[in-house]
Amino acid sequence: MKSATAAQPPYALAGGAERPPTVVQRTMRGLLRDIMARVYGPGERIRETEAALRLGVSRASVREALRALEQDGLLEVAPWRGARVIDHGPEEIAELFELMGTVYGAVAKFAARHASDAELRRLREDFARLRRAHEQKRDIVELIDIVYQMGTYLGRCCGNPLAAEMLRKLGRLSYLHYRYLEPVPSRWRQQSLTRLRRLETALLARSEERSEKAARRLAQHTAKLVVRRACEAHRQALPRTALATSRRDAAANHAGGQPARHFKTRKRK
C-alpha cells in the first residue's frame, strides 16, 4: 500500500506550495537536493544515520522518506544493503524523456482546450516566476522545483485526469536526471526562455496545435543536454569499471590455477 506521504508532491516545496511541508517531505527534499548536488552518486548507498545527522532529523523520518522515494522509483532498497540511488543508463534516460515529451505535449494541448481563464492567468504567473529564476541564474534544484510545480498545475487544469497522472509519474521518474543540467550553460538558459515564451503564448492564445508542439520541443530541448551529459558520465565511468573487472578476473584466474613453475636446467659435468 502506498503511503500518504508519497501521494503528495514532495519535490516542489519552494514558494507556491499550497500547504506547509511535513518533516518527511522536508527530508525527502533534502535527500533529493543532496542527490542533485552529487553528494550521493548513481548506485551509491544512502546511510540512514549519516543522512539524519546531515539533515537534522530523526532516523525514522529518513527511513520513511527513503521508503517513499523508493515507491516513486528514484531509489532501490535491498535487504541488508540499504537504499541506493537508481542508476539509469543513457538509453533509458532518452526513452524516459521521449515519453515525457509526448505526454507533456498532450497535457498542454488539453490545457489549451479546457483550462479556465483564471487557470491560464495562474499559469502566466508561473511562467513569469520561472523566467525570473532563469534570468537570476538560480540553482538547478530551485529551477526544477518551479518546473515541477508548473507541470503539476498544468496537469490539474488540463481536464484529463489520466494524462495528468501520467505526467506526474513521468515527472517524478525524470526528476533526478535533471542533475545532469548542472552547471547550466548560459546559451541553454536563453534557448529555454525562448521556448517557454512560445509555450506561454500558445496556451494563452488557446492554440491546441501550437501548445502541443511548444511543450514537446521544450521537453526535447532539456532531454538533449541531459542525455548528452549522461553519455559523457557513463563513458568516464567505463574505464574504471573495466579496470576493476580485469583485476577481478586476474585474481580469479590466479586462484583457480597453479602458478607456473620455472626450472633451471642443470649443466652436466
Foldseek 3Di string as FASTA:
>chain_A
DADPLLVDPLQQQPPPDPDHDDLLSLLLNVVLVCLLVPVADAFRADDLVVSCVVSVHDSVSNVVSLVSLVVLVQWDQDPPRHIGGHDDALVVLLVLLLVLLQLQLLLLLLLLVFADPVLLVVLVVLLVVLLVCLVVVPDQSNNLSSVLVSLLSSNVRSPDVVSSVVNNSSSSNNVSLLSLCPVPDNVLSVVLNVLSVQLSVCSNVSPSVSNSVSSSVSSVSSSVSSSVSSVVVVVVVVVVVVVVVVVVVVVVVPVVDDDDDDDDDDDDD
